[in-house]
C-alpha atoms as a PDB file:
ATOM      1  CA  MET A   1      -0.004  -0.004  -0.007  1.00  0.00           C
ATOM      2  CA  PHE A   2       1.324   3.410  -0.975  1.00  0.00           C
ATOM      3  CA  GLY A   3      -1.055   6.090   0.217  1.00  0.00           C
ATOM      4  CA  GLY A   4      -0.952   9.866  -0.022  1.00  0.00           C
ATOM      5  CA  THR A   5      -2.638  12.929  -1.397  1.00  0.00           C
ATOM      6  CA  PHE A   6      -0.693  12.618  -4.665  1.00  0.00           C
ATOM      7  CA  ASN A   7      -1.226  16.340  -5.229  1.00  0.00           C
ATOM      8  CA  PRO A   8       0.255  15.837  -7.796  1.00  0.00           C
ATOM      9  CA  PRO A   9       1.987  12.462  -8.023  1.00  0.00           C
ATOM     10  CA  HIS A  10       5.631  12.981  -9.001  1.00  0.00           C
ATOM     11  CA  ILE A  11       8.703  10.989  -9.978  1.00  0.00           C
ATOM     12  CA  GLY A  12       9.712  10.679  -6.326  1.00  0.00           C
ATOM     13  CA  HIS A  13       6.538   8.641  -5.744  1.00  0.00           C
ATOM     14  CA  VAL A  14       7.240   6.496  -8.792  1.00  0.00           C
ATOM     15  CA  HIS A  15      10.868   6.010  -7.765  1.00  0.00           C
ATOM     16  CA  ALA A  16       9.888   4.958  -4.228  1.00  0.00           C
ATOM     17  CA  ALA A  17       7.236   2.557  -5.526  1.00  0.00           C
ATOM     18  CA  CYS A  18       9.650   0.964  -8.032  1.00  0.00           C
ATOM     19  CA  ALA A  19      12.445   0.668  -5.443  1.00  0.00           C
ATOM     20  CA  ALA A  20      10.182  -0.948  -2.798  1.00  0.00           C
ATOM     21  CA  SER A  21       8.633  -3.249  -5.387  1.00  0.00           C
ATOM     22  CA  SER A  22      12.038  -4.392  -6.640  1.00  0.00           C
ATOM     23  CA  ALA A  23      13.758  -4.722  -3.245  1.00  0.00           C
ATOM     24  CA  LEU A  24      10.900  -6.542  -1.494  1.00  0.00           C
ATOM     25  CA  ASP A  25       9.166  -8.230  -4.436  1.00  0.00           C
ATOM     26  CA  LEU A  26       5.914  -6.280  -3.897  1.00  0.00           C
ATOM     27  CA  GLN A  27       2.949  -5.417  -6.055  1.00  0.00           C
ATOM     28  CA  VAL A  28       2.310  -1.725  -5.310  1.00  0.00           C
ATOM     29  CA  LEU A  29      -1.213  -0.492  -4.656  1.00  0.00           C
ATOM     30  CA  PHE A  30      -1.500   3.290  -4.843  1.00  0.00           C
ATOM     31  CA  ILE A  31      -4.322   4.652  -2.716  1.00  0.00           C
ATOM     32  CA  PRO A  32      -5.046   8.419  -2.990  1.00  0.00           C
ATOM     33  CA  ASP A  33      -6.600   9.676   0.221  1.00  0.00           C
ATOM     34  CA  ASN A  34      -9.918  11.458   0.394  1.00  0.00           C
ATOM     35  CA  ILE A  35      -9.271  13.911   3.231  1.00  0.00           C
ATOM     36  CA  PRO A  36      -5.751  13.607   4.672  1.00  0.00           C
ATOM     37  CA  PRO A  37      -5.803  13.289   8.452  1.00  0.00           C
ATOM     38  CA  HIS A  38      -2.574  15.193   9.075  1.00  0.00           C
ATOM     39  CA  LYS A  39      -2.897  18.238   6.832  1.00  0.00           C
ATOM     40  CA  MET A  40      -5.347  20.376   4.920  1.00  0.00           C
ATOM     41  CA  LEU A  41      -5.327  20.237   1.150  1.00  0.00           C
ATOM     42  CA  PRO A  42      -3.937  23.577  -0.104  1.00  0.00           C
ATOM     43  CA  LYS A  43      -6.155  26.116  -1.788  1.00  0.00           C
ATOM     44  CA  GLY A  44      -6.481  25.429  -5.508  1.00  0.00           C
ATOM     45  CA  SER A  45      -6.001  21.675  -5.105  1.00  0.00           C
ATOM     46  CA  PRO A  46      -7.707  19.539  -7.737  1.00  0.00           C
ATOM     47  CA  SER A  47     -10.684  17.360  -6.956  1.00  0.00           C
ATOM     48  CA  ALA A  48     -10.249  13.872  -5.528  1.00  0.00           C
ATOM     49  CA  GLU A  49     -11.251  12.534  -8.962  1.00  0.00           C
ATOM     50  CA  ASP A  50      -8.462  14.469 -10.673  1.00  0.00           C
ATOM     51  CA  ARG A  51      -5.908  13.310  -8.079  1.00  0.00           C
ATOM     52  CA  LEU A  52      -7.077   9.733  -8.706  1.00  0.00           C
ATOM     53  CA  ALA A  53      -6.755  10.161 -12.485  1.00  0.00           C
ATOM     54  CA  MET A  54      -3.224  11.598 -12.159  1.00  0.00           C
ATOM     55  CA  THR A  55      -2.256   8.750  -9.848  1.00  0.00           C
ATOM     56  CA  ARG A  56      -3.493   6.225 -12.414  1.00  0.00           C
ATOM     57  CA  ILE A  57      -1.305   7.914 -15.048  1.00  0.00           C
ATOM     58  CA  ALA A  58       1.730   7.922 -12.759  1.00  0.00           C
ATOM     59  CA  ALA A  59       1.195   4.265 -11.747  1.00  0.00           C
ATOM     60  CA  ARG A  60       1.715   3.222 -15.380  1.00  0.00           C
ATOM     61  CA  SER A  61       5.429   3.818 -14.736  1.00  0.00           C
ATOM     62  CA  VAL A  62       5.554   1.198 -11.971  1.00  0.00           C
ATOM     63  CA  PRO A  63       5.507  -2.408 -13.284  1.00  0.00           C
ATOM     64  CA  GLY A  64       2.431  -4.285 -12.057  1.00  0.00           C
ATOM     65  CA  ALA A  65       1.119  -1.395  -9.949  1.00  0.00           C
ATOM     66  CA  LEU A  66      -2.562  -0.961  -9.232  1.00  0.00           C
ATOM     67  CA  VAL A  67      -4.562   2.067  -8.079  1.00  0.00           C
ATOM     68  CA  SER A  68      -7.505   1.898  -5.697  1.00  0.00           C
ATOM     69  CA  ASP A  69     -10.217   4.493  -5.018  1.00  0.00           C
ATOM     70  CA  MET A  70     -11.306   2.828  -1.725  1.00  0.00           C
ATOM     71  CA  GLU A  71     -10.499   5.884   0.404  1.00  0.00           C
ATOM     72  CA  LEU A  72     -12.301   8.199  -1.989  1.00  0.00           C
ATOM     73  CA  ARG A  73     -15.376   5.909  -1.970  1.00  0.00           C
ATOM     74  CA  ARG A  74     -15.329   5.903   1.829  1.00  0.00           C
ATOM     75  CA  GLY A  75     -15.996   9.635   1.600  1.00  0.00           C
ATOM     76  CA  GLU A  76     -14.535  10.660   4.944  1.00  0.00           C
ATOM     77  CA  ARG A  77     -11.184  11.398   6.543  1.00  0.00           C
ATOM     78  CA  SER A  78      -8.639   8.791   5.414  1.00  0.00           C
ATOM     79  CA  TYR A  79      -6.955   6.748   8.107  1.00  0.00           C
ATOM     80  CA  THR A  80      -4.282   4.141   7.217  1.00  0.00           C
ATOM     81  CA  ALA A  81      -5.531   1.800   9.968  1.00  0.00           C
ATOM     82  CA  ASP A  82      -9.008   1.665   8.412  1.00  0.00           C
ATOM     83  CA  THR A  83      -7.625   1.077   4.921  1.00  0.00           C
ATOM     84  CA  LEU A  84      -5.349  -1.727   6.072  1.00  0.00           C
ATOM     85  CA  GLU A  85      -8.262  -3.366   7.855  1.00  0.00           C
ATOM     86  CA  GLU A  86     -10.302  -3.162   4.666  1.00  0.00           C
ATOM     87  CA  LEU A  87      -7.429  -4.693   2.650  1.00  0.00           C
ATOM     88  CA  ARG A  88      -7.096  -7.467   5.261  1.00  0.00           C
ATOM     89  CA  ARG A  89     -10.850  -8.231   4.975  1.00  0.00           C
ATOM     90  CA  GLN A  90     -10.530  -8.372   1.165  1.00  0.00           C
ATOM     91  CA  ASP A  91      -7.588 -10.801   1.323  1.00  0.00           C
ATOM     92  CA  PRO A  92      -6.969 -12.376   4.765  1.00  0.00           C
ATOM     93  CA  GLU A  93      -3.846 -14.192   3.529  1.00  0.00           C
ATOM     94  CA  ALA A  94      -2.086 -11.227   1.898  1.00  0.00           C
ATOM     95  CA  ALA A  95       1.232 -10.002   3.275  1.00  0.00           C
ATOM     96  CA  LEU A  96       0.637  -6.269   3.601  1.00  0.00           C
ATOM     97  CA  TRP A  97       3.298  -3.585   3.419  1.00  0.00           C
ATOM     98  CA  LEU A  98       3.094   0.201   3.863  1.00  0.00           C
ATOM     99  CA  ILE A  99       5.498   2.300   1.808  1.00  0.00           C
ATOM    100  CA  VAL A 100       6.598   5.517   3.538  1.00  0.00           C
ATOM    101  CA  GLY A 101       9.268   8.177   3.316  1.00  0.00           C
ATOM    102  CA  THR A 102      11.367   9.621   6.136  1.00  0.00           C
ATOM    103  CA  ASP A 103       8.832  12.193   7.270  1.00  0.00           C
ATOM    104  CA  MET A 104       5.950   9.717   7.484  1.00  0.00           C
ATOM    105  CA  LEU A 105       8.084   7.085   9.228  1.00  0.00           C
ATOM    106  CA  GLY A 106       9.111   9.712  11.812  1.00  0.00           C
ATOM    107  CA  THR A 107       5.505  10.562  12.669  1.00  0.00           C
ATOM    108  CA  LEU A 108       3.951   7.106  12.363  1.00  0.00           C
ATOM    109  CA  GLU A 109       3.884   6.530  16.120  1.00  0.00           C
ATOM    110  CA  HIS A 110       1.500   9.487  16.366  1.00  0.00           C
ATOM    111  CA  TRP A 111      -0.939   8.388  13.655  1.00  0.00           C
ATOM    112  CA  TYR A 112      -4.426   7.125  14.388  1.00  0.00           C
ATOM    113  CA  ARG A 113      -4.052   3.601  15.908  1.00  0.00           C
ATOM    114  CA  PRO A 114      -0.357   3.078  15.120  1.00  0.00           C
ATOM    115  CA  GLU A 115      -0.306  -0.203  17.029  1.00  0.00           C
ATOM    116  CA  ARG A 116      -3.033  -1.551  14.717  1.00  0.00           C
ATOM    117  CA  ILE A 117      -1.222  -0.329  11.614  1.00  0.00           C
ATOM    118  CA  LEU A 118       1.980  -2.036  12.671  1.00  0.00           C
ATOM    119  CA  ALA A 119       0.149  -5.241  13.603  1.00  0.00           C
ATOM    120  CA  LEU A 120      -1.449  -5.419  10.159  1.00  0.00           C
ATOM    121  CA  CYS A 121       1.560  -4.703   7.954  1.00  0.00           C
ATOM    122  CA  ARG A 122       5.285  -4.366   7.610  1.00  0.00           C
ATOM    123  CA  VAL A 123       6.756  -1.002   6.693  1.00  0.00           C
ATOM    124  CA  ALA A 124       8.988  -0.315   3.688  1.00  0.00           C
ATOM    125  CA  ALA A 125      10.829   2.941   4.440  1.00  0.00           C
ATOM    126  CA  LEU A 126      12.832   5.070   2.014  1.00  0.00           C
ATOM    127  CA  ALA A 127      14.991   8.130   2.674  1.00  0.00           C
ATOM    128  CA  ARG A 128      13.636  11.248   0.971  1.00  0.00           C
ATOM    129  CA  ARG A 129      16.981  13.064   1.146  1.00  0.00           C
ATOM    130  CA  GLU A 130      20.554  11.849   1.311  1.00  0.00           C
ATOM    131  CA  GLU A 131      20.967  13.304   4.805  1.00  0.00           C
ATOM    132  CA  ASP A 132      17.967  11.244   6.018  1.00  0.00           C
ATOM    133  CA  ARG A 133      19.744   7.881   5.796  1.00  0.00           C
ATOM    134  CA  MET A 134      20.814   7.885   9.477  1.00  0.00           C
ATOM    135  CA  LEU A 135      17.538   9.427  10.631  1.00  0.00           C
ATOM    136  CA  ILE A 136      15.460   6.740   8.941  1.00  0.00           C
ATOM    137  CA  ARG A 137      17.416   4.037  10.770  1.00  0.00           C
ATOM    138  CA  GLU A 138      16.697   5.770  14.088  1.00  0.00           C
ATOM    139  CA  TYR A 139      12.984   6.025  13.331  1.00  0.00           C
ATOM    140  CA  ALA A 140      12.856   2.380  12.293  1.00  0.00           C
ATOM    141  CA  GLU A 141      14.594   1.287  15.516  1.00  0.00           C
ATOM    142  CA  LEU A 142      12.175   3.351  17.645  1.00  0.00           C
ATOM    143  CA  LEU A 143       9.196   1.624  15.987  1.00  0.00           C
ATOM    144  CA  ARG A 144      10.768  -1.801  16.376  1.00  0.00           C
ATOM    145  CA  LYS A 145      11.321  -1.210  20.119  1.00  0.00           C
ATOM    146  CA  ARG A 146       8.048   0.474  20.917  1.00  0.00           C
ATOM    147  CA  PHE A 147       5.646  -1.572  18.716  1.00  0.00           C
ATOM    148  CA  ASP A 148       7.701  -4.645  17.742  1.00  0.00           C
ATOM    149  CA  ALA A 149       7.218  -3.339  14.190  1.00  0.00           C
ATOM    150  CA  GLY A 150       8.513  -4.973  11.090  1.00  0.00           C
ATOM    151  CA  VAL A 151      10.409  -2.187   9.317  1.00  0.00           C
ATOM    152  CA  ASP A 152      12.643  -2.682   6.299  1.00  0.00           C
ATOM    153  CA  ILE A 153      14.758   0.145   4.980  1.00  0.00           C
ATOM    154  CA  VAL A 154      14.854   0.152   1.193  1.00  0.00           C
ATOM    155  CA  ASP A 155      18.234   1.329  -0.020  1.00  0.00           C
ATOM    156  CA  ALA A 156      17.518   3.596  -2.982  1.00  0.00           C
ATOM    157  CA  ASP A 157      18.980   6.892  -4.137  1.00  0.00           C
ATOM    158  CA  PRO A 158      16.727   9.628  -2.722  1.00  0.00           C
ATOM    159  CA  ILE A 159      14.849  12.006  -5.010  1.00  0.00           C
ATOM    160  CA  PRO A 160      14.544  15.206  -2.974  1.00  0.00           C
ATOM    161  CA  ILE A 161      11.302  16.631  -4.395  1.00  0.00           C
ATOM    162  CA  SER A 162       7.909  17.232  -2.883  1.00  0.00           C
ATOM    163  CA  SER A 163       4.449  17.845  -4.283  1.00  0.00           C
ATOM    164  CA  SER A 164       4.377  21.304  -2.678  1.00  0.00           C
ATOM    165  CA  GLN A 165       7.619  22.274  -4.443  1.00  0.00           C
ATOM    166  CA  ILE A 166       6.128  21.103  -7.732  1.00  0.00           C
ATOM    167  CA  ARG A 167       2.867  23.018  -7.192  1.00  0.00           C
ATOM    168  CA  GLU A 168       4.787  26.220  -6.447  1.00  0.00           C
ATOM    169  CA  GLY A 169       6.719  26.099  -9.719  1.00  0.00           C
ATOM    170  CA  LEU A 170       4.520  23.955 -11.880  1.00  0.00           C
ATOM    171  CA  TYR A 171       4.290  26.310 -14.843  1.00  0.00           C
ATOM    172  CA  HIS A 172       7.923  27.425 -14.438  1.00  0.00           C
ATOM    173  CA  GLY A 173       9.936  24.275 -15.004  1.00  0.00           C
ATOM    174  CA  THR A 174       9.004  21.832 -12.240  1.00  0.00           C
ATOM    175  CA  GLU A 175       6.928  19.780 -14.661  1.00  0.00           C
ATOM    176  CA  LYS A 176      10.170  17.827 -15.384  1.00  0.00           C
ATOM    177  CA  TRP A 177       9.569  16.142 -11.976  1.00  0.00           C
ATOM    178  CA  LEU A 178       6.233  14.664 -13.129  1.00  0.00           C
ATOM    179  CA  PRO A 179       5.733  11.187 -14.634  1.00  0.00           C
ATOM    180  CA  LYS A 180       4.952  11.066 -18.345  1.00  0.00           C
ATOM    181  CA  GLY A 181       1.389  12.118 -19.039  1.00  0.00           C
ATOM    182  CA  VAL A 182       0.690  13.816 -15.660  1.00  0.00           C
ATOM    183  CA  PHE A 183       1.680  17.328 -16.818  1.00  0.00           C
ATOM    184  CA  ALA A 184      -0.368  16.929 -19.989  1.00  0.00           C
ATOM    185  CA  TYR A 185      -3.381  15.985 -17.813  1.00  0.00           C
ATOM    186  CA  ILE A 186      -2.755  19.032 -15.573  1.00  0.00           C
ATOM    187  CA  GLN A 187      -2.575  21.371 -18.574  1.00  0.00           C
ATOM    188  CA  GLU A 188      -5.625  19.860 -20.245  1.00  0.00           C
ATOM    189  CA  ARG A 189      -7.693  20.332 -17.060  1.00  0.00           C
ATOM    190  CA  GLY A 190      -6.200  23.708 -16.103  1.00  0.00           C
ATOM    191  CA  LEU A 191      -5.167  22.436 -12.656  1.00  0.00           C
ATOM    192  CA  TYR A 192      -3.073  24.278 -10.080  1.00  0.00           C
ATOM    193  CA  LEU A 193      -3.517  27.679 -11.705  1.00  0.00           C
ATOM    194  CA  GLU A 194      -4.486  29.136  -8.322  1.00  0.00           C
ATOM    195  CA  THR A 195      -1.491  27.768  -6.395  1.00  0.00           C
END
């Protein structure tokens, strides 16, 4: 499971998904959230349907990846624990993984029902920046000690880009950080013109 607002999905997301898939032999399931629990969507953000469509385009760059609209259909605030429980009900035998970057790994202990999340899945963690490599190991060890969590650090070259950085410069060169087809979709729909 690789969740997020994907506002917009960028090559950092694709890179993380490919790296986790390759290192751990995973099939990646992208799940755009409906209402993120930890932040407000910025003014001028596209609709949930547009974020889902862009995520579907980006997912084409990840071999075997799927995209689910389950959190959008739920129509409420998106909590990872609820989504993992739904995935477990759909396939009780599946080995579930949660793909996260440094920032999410560092805050996971404060998420809604972290003990349930870490009982339902293993975590695949990737450094977002080169200087995060030591930090990610510290976060992983904390979760192992506190929750007996299964955390695997995926060794991949970081791509230090964020969706907010892309939104701020989208029509001034940051489109190079978007997967093929995503910028064309953004232009066609006139997205992010207010950001």
